[in-house]
Amino acid sequence: MPSSPRPPGRPRTGVTTEVFTATLRTVQELGYARATVERIAARAGVAKTTVYRRWPSKGELIVDCLLDAFGPAPLREGAGRAELLATTIRWIAAKISEPGVGDAFAGVFSDAVSDPALREILAARLQEPYRLALLSALDEPSQRVLFFIDVVVGTLLHRMGMTGEPMADADVDALVTMVLRYFAGQPIGSTPS
């Protein structure tokens, strides 16, 4: 029996990769505000309806694109507290430095300030998985882990937003030093030995 012809269009598995690549390139070239779903779809070579079927809004597309760009946190089992924190800070800084990633992150973060639905998506889908991973790795109270995320991501996004450039390596090193002074010590609530 002859095989049935392949349905028209791109294989479904490659569409997400194409859209994420197109998203970051479009954001990098045009800026977050001008990187519309229509422009992203055109660059990916797909219909905008294909994008909207998977991501009902630009914000949701950007959040999933960022999750893909960041991947899992590099939390090496058995690493000490200082190493875990320093590695995490450098990893976040490196990811934000990748073409389009910092712009996309700063843009969606800015939109979320005045959009409660997007803020909820950003918190639940982007921040929460990393908060849980850090919570487990550091064995810290949730509020302390959130404060670490706020300090590090906030500082890196502020630099990107104010200069349009990622933080220089020397400044990342200084950030690591400053953050470790506070976070690498005894966990909150413990008594010094």
Protein backbone atom coordinates (compact mmCIF):
# COMPACT_ATOMS: atom_id res chain seq x y z
CA MET A 1 0.00 0.00 0.00
CA PRO A 2 1.48 3.39 -0.93
CA SER A 3 2.29 5.73 1.95
CA SER A 4 -0.01 8.68 2.43
CA PRO A 5 1.39 12.00 1.33
CA ARG A 6 2.81 14.24 4.00
CA PRO A 7 0.43 17.02 4.97
CA PRO A 8 1.41 20.44 3.74
CA GLY A 9 3.39 22.78 5.95
CA ARG A 10 6.31 22.49 8.26
CA PRO A 11 6.60 19.57 10.70
CA ARG A 12 5.04 20.57 14.02
CA THR A 13 8.17 19.87 16.06
CA GLY A 14 10.22 22.45 14.17
CA VAL A 15 7.69 25.27 14.38
CA THR A 16 8.39 26.14 18.03
CA THR A 17 12.14 26.30 17.43
CA GLU A 18 11.65 28.46 14.33
CA VAL A 19 9.28 30.81 16.16
CA PHE A 20 11.60 31.16 19.18
CA THR A 21 14.59 31.89 16.94
CA ALA A 22 12.56 34.41 14.94
CA THR A 23 11.30 36.01 18.15
CA LEU A 24 14.75 36.69 19.56
CA ARG A 25 16.11 37.91 16.23
CA THR A 26 13.15 40.21 15.68
CA VAL A 27 13.38 41.63 19.20
CA GLN A 28 17.13 42.13 18.78
CA GLU A 29 16.77 43.92 15.45
CA LEU A 30 13.58 45.94 15.99
CA GLY A 31 13.29 46.20 19.76
CA TYR A 32 10.64 44.67 21.94
CA ALA A 33 7.82 47.10 21.13
CA ARG A 34 8.19 46.77 17.35
CA ALA A 35 8.57 42.98 17.45
CA THR A 36 4.94 42.19 16.75
CA VAL A 37 3.52 38.70 16.46
CA GLU A 38 2.95 39.42 12.75
CA ARG A 39 6.61 40.28 12.20
CA ILE A 40 7.78 37.30 14.24
CA ALA A 41 5.51 34.94 12.28
CA ALA A 42 6.71 36.35 8.96
CA ARG A 43 10.34 35.92 9.98
CA ALA A 44 9.64 32.33 11.12
CA GLY A 45 7.89 31.60 7.83
CA VAL A 46 4.61 30.65 9.48
CA ALA A 47 1.13 32.15 9.52
CA LYS A 48 0.37 34.43 12.46
CA THR A 49 -2.56 32.11 13.24
CA THR A 50 0.01 29.33 13.83
CA VAL A 51 1.68 31.52 16.44
CA TYR A 52 -1.59 32.61 18.05
CA ARG A 53 -2.78 28.99 18.31
CA ARG A 54 0.21 28.18 20.51
CA TRP A 55 0.60 31.53 22.27
CA PRO A 56 -2.55 33.65 22.67
CA SER A 57 -0.47 36.80 23.22
CA LYS A 58 2.93 38.24 22.51
CA GLY A 59 3.65 38.18 26.25
CA GLU A 60 3.01 34.45 26.49
CA LEU A 61 5.21 33.85 23.45
CA ILE A 62 8.03 35.87 24.99
CA VAL A 63 7.75 34.07 28.35
CA ASP A 64 7.97 30.64 26.69
CA CYS A 65 10.78 31.86 24.45
CA LEU A 66 12.71 33.02 27.54
CA LEU A 67 12.12 29.68 29.27
CA ASP A 68 13.58 27.96 26.24
CA ALA A 69 16.53 30.38 26.07
CA PHE A 70 17.38 30.00 29.75
CA GLY A 71 16.84 26.26 30.06
CA PRO A 72 17.41 24.61 33.42
CA ALA A 73 19.33 26.41 36.16
CA PRO A 74 22.92 25.16 36.49
CA LEU A 75 22.58 24.00 40.10
CA ARG A 76 25.28 21.37 40.57
CA GLU A 77 24.39 18.87 43.26
CA GLY A 78 26.90 18.93 46.08
CA ALA A 79 28.10 22.46 45.32
CA GLY A 80 28.52 24.80 48.26
CA ARG A 81 26.24 27.78 48.85
CA ALA A 82 28.72 30.35 47.50
CA GLU A 83 29.37 28.32 44.35
CA LEU A 84 25.65 27.83 43.71
CA LEU A 85 24.95 31.53 44.11
CA ALA A 86 27.93 32.71 42.04
CA THR A 87 27.21 30.20 39.26
CA THR A 88 23.55 31.24 39.18
CA ILE A 89 24.37 34.96 38.97
CA ARG A 90 26.88 34.42 36.15
CA TRP A 91 24.45 32.13 34.31
CA ILE A 92 21.63 34.71 34.48
CA ALA A 93 24.01 37.47 33.35
CA ALA A 94 25.26 35.35 30.44
CA LYS A 95 21.74 34.46 29.32
CA ILE A 96 20.59 38.09 29.48
CA SER A 97 23.63 38.96 27.34
CA GLU A 98 22.56 36.62 24.53
CA PRO A 99 21.19 38.39 21.44
CA GLY A 100 17.57 39.34 21.94
CA VAL A 101 17.18 37.67 25.35
CA GLY A 102 17.83 40.71 27.54
CA ASP A 103 15.67 42.92 25.32
CA ALA A 104 12.84 40.38 25.38
CA PHE A 105 13.10 39.93 29.15
CA ALA A 106 13.17 43.67 29.85
CA GLY A 107 10.26 44.25 27.47
CA VAL A 108 7.95 41.57 28.85
CA PHE A 109 8.86 42.58 32.40
CA SER A 110 7.98 46.19 31.62
CA ASP A 111 4.66 45.16 30.04
CA ALA A 112 3.83 43.01 33.07
CA VAL A 113 4.03 46.02 35.40
CA SER A 114 0.71 47.30 34.02
CA ASP A 115 -0.79 43.98 32.89
CA PRO A 116 -1.84 41.76 35.84
CA ALA A 117 -2.60 38.76 33.60
CA LEU A 118 0.86 38.91 32.01
CA ARG A 119 2.45 39.46 35.42
CA GLU A 120 0.78 36.25 36.63
CA ILE A 121 2.05 34.33 33.59
CA LEU A 122 5.56 35.73 34.04
CA ALA A 123 5.60 34.82 37.73
CA ALA A 124 4.07 31.35 37.32
CA ARG A 125 5.85 30.16 34.18
CA LEU A 126 9.21 31.93 34.33
CA GLN A 127 10.01 32.84 37.92
CA GLU A 128 8.37 29.97 39.81
CA PRO A 129 10.36 27.05 38.31
CA TYR A 130 13.64 28.80 39.09
CA ARG A 131 12.45 29.84 42.55
CA LEU A 132 11.59 26.22 43.35
CA ALA A 133 14.95 24.97 42.04
CA LEU A 134 16.84 27.54 44.11
CA LEU A 135 14.66 26.87 47.14
CA SER A 136 15.59 23.20 46.99
CA ALA A 137 19.29 23.77 46.24
CA LEU A 138 19.84 26.48 48.86
CA ASP A 139 17.46 25.23 51.57
CA GLU A 140 16.40 28.82 52.24
CA PRO A 141 13.06 30.41 53.11
CA SER A 142 10.99 31.34 50.07
CA GLN A 143 11.15 35.09 50.73
CA ARG A 144 14.95 35.00 50.87
CA VAL A 145 15.10 33.14 47.55
CA LEU A 146 12.70 35.67 46.00
CA PHE A 147 14.88 38.49 47.31
CA PHE A 148 17.94 36.88 45.68
CA ILE A 149 16.06 36.65 42.36
CA ASP A 150 14.86 40.26 42.69
CA VAL A 151 18.32 41.61 43.44
CA VAL A 152 20.10 39.74 40.67
CA VAL A 153 17.54 39.83 37.86
CA GLY A 154 16.44 43.36 38.77
CA THR A 155 19.99 44.66 38.65
CA LEU A 156 20.77 42.96 35.34
CA LEU A 157 17.52 44.10 33.70
CA HIS A 158 17.97 47.63 35.02
CA ARG A 159 21.38 47.81 33.35
CA MET A 160 19.92 46.47 30.10
CA GLY A 161 17.02 48.92 30.25
CA MET A 162 19.16 51.94 31.06
CA THR A 163 22.04 51.32 28.66
CA GLY A 164 20.68 48.89 26.07
CA GLU A 165 23.71 46.74 26.83
CA PRO A 166 24.24 43.74 29.09
CA MET A 167 26.35 44.17 32.19
CA ALA A 168 30.12 44.01 31.60
CA ASP A 169 31.98 41.03 33.09
CA ALA A 170 33.77 43.19 35.67
CA ASP A 171 30.43 44.51 36.90
CA VAL A 172 29.01 40.98 37.03
CA ASP A 173 32.02 40.01 39.18
CA ALA A 174 31.28 42.96 41.49
CA LEU A 175 27.62 41.93 41.66
CA VAL A 176 28.65 38.39 42.62
CA THR A 177 30.90 39.76 45.38
CA MET A 178 28.18 42.04 46.74
CA VAL A 179 25.44 39.41 46.65
CA LEU A 180 27.64 36.73 48.21
CA ARG A 181 28.37 38.98 51.18
CA TYR A 182 24.71 38.89 52.04
CA PHE A 183 23.48 35.53 50.77
CA ALA A 184 26.41 33.14 51.18
CA GLY A 185 26.45 33.47 54.98
CA GLN A 186 24.28 31.61 57.43
CA PRO A 187 20.68 30.94 56.35
CA ILE A 188 18.11 33.22 57.99
CA GLY A 189 16.96 31.84 61.32
CA SER A 190 20.07 29.74 61.91
CA THR A 191 22.54 30.41 64.68
CA PRO A 192 26.20 30.94 63.83
CA SER A 193 28.49 28.08 64.82
